[in-house]
C-alpha atoms as a PDB file:
ATOM      1  CA  MET A   1     117.121 114.862  89.343  1.00  0.00           C
ATOM      2  CA  THR A   2     118.944 111.626  88.784  1.00  0.00           C
ATOM      3  CA  GLU A   3     117.959 109.266  85.993  1.00  0.00           C
ATOM      4  CA  VAL A   4     116.325 106.983  88.572  1.00  0.00           C
ATOM      5  CA  GLU A   5     114.299 109.871  90.003  1.00  0.00           C
ATOM      6  CA  LYS A   6     113.205 110.924  86.511  1.00  0.00           C
ATOM      7  CA  TYR A   7     112.111 107.348  85.865  1.00  0.00           C
ATOM      8  CA  ILE A   8     110.144 107.086  89.118  1.00  0.00           C
ATOM      9  CA  PHE A   9     108.479 110.471  88.723  1.00  0.00           C
ATOM     10  CA  SER A  10     107.344 109.624  85.193  1.00  0.00           C
ATOM     11  CA  PHE A  11     104.646 107.340  86.659  1.00  0.00           C
ATOM     12  CA  PRO A  12     101.241 108.182  88.144  1.00  0.00           C
ATOM     13  CA  GLU A  13     101.257 108.921  91.869  1.00  0.00           C
ATOM     14  CA  ASP A  14     100.040 105.494  93.009  1.00  0.00           C
ATOM     15  CA  VAL A  15     102.781 103.671  91.075  1.00  0.00           C
ATOM     16  CA  ARG A  16     105.348 106.331  91.959  1.00  0.00           C
ATOM     17  CA  ASN A  17     104.672 105.775  95.665  1.00  0.00           C
ATOM     18  CA  ILE A  18     105.310 102.036  95.293  1.00  0.00           C
ATOM     19  CA  LEU A  19     108.562 102.669  93.420  1.00  0.00           C
ATOM     20  CA  LEU A  20     109.677 105.189  96.039  1.00  0.00           C
ATOM     21  CA  GLN A  21     109.016 102.656  98.806  1.00  0.00           C
ATOM     22  CA  ILE A  22     111.037  99.996  97.001  1.00  0.00           C
ATOM     23  CA  ARG A  23     113.871 102.471  96.460  1.00  0.00           C
ATOM     24  CA  GLN A  24     113.785 103.406 100.159  1.00  0.00           C
ATOM     25  CA  ILE A  25     113.936  99.746 101.205  1.00  0.00           C
ATOM     26  CA  ILE A  26     117.001  99.248  98.999  1.00  0.00           C
ATOM     27  CA  LYS A  27     118.694 102.337 100.454  1.00  0.00           C
ATOM     28  CA  GLU A  28     117.967 101.153 104.007  1.00  0.00           C
ATOM     29  CA  GLU A  29     119.127  97.578 103.484  1.00  0.00           C
ATOM     30  CA  ALA A  30     122.053  98.449 101.205  1.00  0.00           C
ATOM     31  CA  PRO A  31     123.206 101.941 102.215  1.00  0.00           C
ATOM     32  CA  ASP A  32     126.466 101.515 100.295  1.00  0.00           C
ATOM     33  CA  ALA A  33     124.774 100.364  97.084  1.00  0.00           C
ATOM     34  CA  VAL A  34     125.582 102.262  93.929  1.00  0.00           C
ATOM     35  CA  GLU A  35     122.386 103.402  92.261  1.00  0.00           C
ATOM     36  CA  GLY A  36     122.319 103.419  88.497  1.00  0.00           C
ATOM     37  CA  PHE A  37     120.158 102.790  85.496  1.00  0.00           C
ATOM     38  CA  ALA A  38     120.506  99.625  83.428  1.00  0.00           C
ATOM     39  CA  TYR A  39     118.216  97.704  81.109  1.00  0.00           C
ATOM     40  CA  GLN A  40     115.938 100.777  81.139  1.00  0.00           C
ATOM     41  CA  MET A  41     115.272 100.442  84.889  1.00  0.00           C
ATOM     42  CA  PRO A  42     116.755 101.454  88.253  1.00  0.00           C
ATOM     43  CA  SER A  43     119.666  99.228  89.170  1.00  0.00           C
ATOM     44  CA  TYR A  44     121.764  98.739  92.278  1.00  0.00           C
ATOM     45  CA  LYS A  45     125.202  97.245  92.825  1.00  0.00           C
ATOM     46  CA  THR A  46     127.222  96.336  95.882  1.00  0.00           C
ATOM     47  CA  ASN A  47     130.871  95.339  95.783  1.00  0.00           C
ATOM     48  CA  GLY A  48     130.786  95.957  92.032  1.00  0.00           C
ATOM     49  CA  LYS A  49     128.190  93.191  91.559  1.00  0.00           C
ATOM     50  CA  PRO A  50     124.508  93.485  90.591  1.00  0.00           C
ATOM     51  CA  LEU A  51     122.230  93.585  93.617  1.00  0.00           C
ATOM     52  CA  VAL A  52     118.638  94.204  92.453  1.00  0.00           C
ATOM     53  CA  TYR A  53     116.643  95.992  89.765  1.00  0.00           C
ATOM     54  CA  PHE A  54     113.016  97.106  89.627  1.00  0.00           C
ATOM     55  CA  ALA A  55     110.624  98.462  87.023  1.00  0.00           C
ATOM     56  CA  ALA A  56     107.006  99.504  86.621  1.00  0.00           C
ATOM     57  CA  PHE A  57     104.753  98.145  83.928  1.00  0.00           C
ATOM     58  CA  LYS A  58     101.104  98.656  83.045  1.00  0.00           C
ATOM     59  CA  THR A  59      99.790  95.974  85.413  1.00  0.00           C
ATOM     60  CA  HIS A  60     102.695  95.081  87.691  1.00  0.00           C
ATOM     61  CA  ILE A  61     105.993  95.956  89.324  1.00  0.00           C
ATOM     62  CA  GLY A  62     108.885  93.827  88.138  1.00  0.00           C
ATOM     63  CA  PHE A  63     111.502  93.014  90.749  1.00  0.00           C
ATOM     64  CA  TYR A  64     114.770  91.380  89.779  1.00  0.00           C
ATOM     65  CA  ALA A  65     117.024  89.929  92.485  1.00  0.00           C
ATOM     66  CA  THR A  66     118.958  87.512  90.246  1.00  0.00           C
ATOM     67  CA  PRO A  67     118.096  83.826  90.141  1.00  0.00           C
ATOM     68  CA  SER A  68     119.672  83.143  93.550  1.00  0.00           C
ATOM     69  CA  GLY A  69     117.606  85.840  95.236  1.00  0.00           C
ATOM     70  CA  HIS A  70     114.413  84.376  93.863  1.00  0.00           C
ATOM     71  CA  ALA A  71     115.353  80.776  94.590  1.00  0.00           C
ATOM     72  CA  ALA A  72     115.933  81.649  98.250  1.00  0.00           C
ATOM     73  CA  PHE A  73     112.382  83.028  98.512  1.00  0.00           C
ATOM     74  CA  ALA A  74     110.586  80.478  96.354  1.00  0.00           C
ATOM     75  CA  CYS A  75     107.851  79.854  98.936  1.00  0.00           C
ATOM     76  CA  GLU A  76     107.144  83.549  99.517  1.00  0.00           C
ATOM     77  CA  LEU A  77     107.042  84.226  95.752  1.00  0.00           C
ATOM     78  CA  ALA A  78     105.082  81.119  94.745  1.00  0.00           C
ATOM     79  CA  LYS A  79     101.816  83.002  94.233  1.00  0.00           C
ATOM     80  CA  TYR A  80     103.362  85.516  91.808  1.00  0.00           C
ATOM     81  CA  LYS A  81     104.208  85.214  88.129  1.00  0.00           C
ATOM     82  CA  GLN A  82     107.941  84.604  87.791  1.00  0.00           C
ATOM     83  CA  GLY A  83     110.756  84.223  85.327  1.00  0.00           C
ATOM     84  CA  LYS A  84     114.405  83.386  85.811  1.00  0.00           C
ATOM     85  CA  GLY A  85     115.533  85.967  88.342  1.00  0.00           C
ATOM     86  CA  SER A  86     112.335  88.007  88.156  1.00  0.00           C
ATOM     87  CA  VAL A  87     108.953  88.304  89.806  1.00  0.00           C
ATOM     88  CA  GLN A  88     105.855  90.323  88.957  1.00  0.00           C
ATOM     89  CA  PHE A  89     103.899  91.992  91.748  1.00  0.00           C
ATOM     90  CA  PRO A  90     100.432  92.942  90.426  1.00  0.00           C
ATOM     91  CA  LEU A  91      99.461  96.569  90.948  1.00  0.00           C
ATOM     92  CA  ASP A  92      95.931  95.575  91.961  1.00  0.00           C
ATOM     93  CA  LYS A  93      97.204  93.570  94.961  1.00  0.00           C
ATOM     94  CA  PRO A  94      99.190  94.655  98.037  1.00  0.00           C
ATOM     95  CA  ILE A  95     102.915  94.854  97.288  1.00  0.00           C
ATOM     96  CA  PRO A  96     104.873  92.537  99.649  1.00  0.00           C
ATOM     97  CA  PHE A  97     107.339  95.151 100.867  1.00  0.00           C
ATOM     98  CA  ASP A  98     108.470  92.880 103.712  1.00  0.00           C
ATOM     99  CA  VAL A  99     109.498  90.173 101.224  1.00  0.00           C
ATOM    100  CA  ILE A 100     111.259  92.761  99.065  1.00  0.00           C
ATOM    101  CA  ARG A 101     113.188  93.922 102.145  1.00  0.00           C
ATOM    102  CA  GLN A 102     114.194  90.340 102.971  1.00  0.00           C
ATOM    103  CA  MET A 103     115.292  89.708  99.389  1.00  0.00           C
ATOM    104  CA  VAL A 104     117.444  92.845  99.305  1.00  0.00           C
ATOM    105  CA  ALA A 105     119.064  91.928 102.632  1.00  0.00           C
ATOM    106  CA  PHE A 106     119.730  88.418 101.324  1.00  0.00           C
ATOM    107  CA  ARG A 107     121.353  89.779  98.167  1.00  0.00           C
ATOM    108  CA  VAL A 108     123.501  92.231 100.155  1.00  0.00           C
ATOM    109  CA  GLU A 109     124.823  89.378 102.283  1.00  0.00           C
ATOM    110  CA  GLU A 110     125.327  87.230  99.208  1.00  0.00           C
ATOM    111  CA  ASN A 111     127.344  89.958  97.453  1.00  0.00           C
ATOM    112  CA  ASN A 112     129.352  90.596 100.615  1.00  0.00           C
ATOM    113  CA  ASN A 113     130.226  86.905 100.853  1.00  0.00           C
ATOM    114  CA  LYS A 114     131.389  86.880  97.228  1.00  0.00           C
ATOM    115  CA  SER A 115     133.865  89.709  97.861  1.00  0.00           C
END
């Protein structure tokens, strides 16, 4: 098992399933991304640059797509608690996997344009 898999499988099944879906979205949208572990959470890079990170907490999933990734989706993320480059998706609400997919695709294109 990789460090990311160990991390994901350390959570209860309901949270694990959410994390696995997010990981799958990243792999589909960024098939060349390098998966790693940074800041005590799964991390992904394309073209040697940070792409996205995610983490599970007691009451939410944290998703980190850098400030630019969040700024581009300000309307879609407006109803969620946010910080600079981060958003919290509550575990007691549906996770917006479609928005996550769009954010990952946006960040892939952004990293490709920077190369």
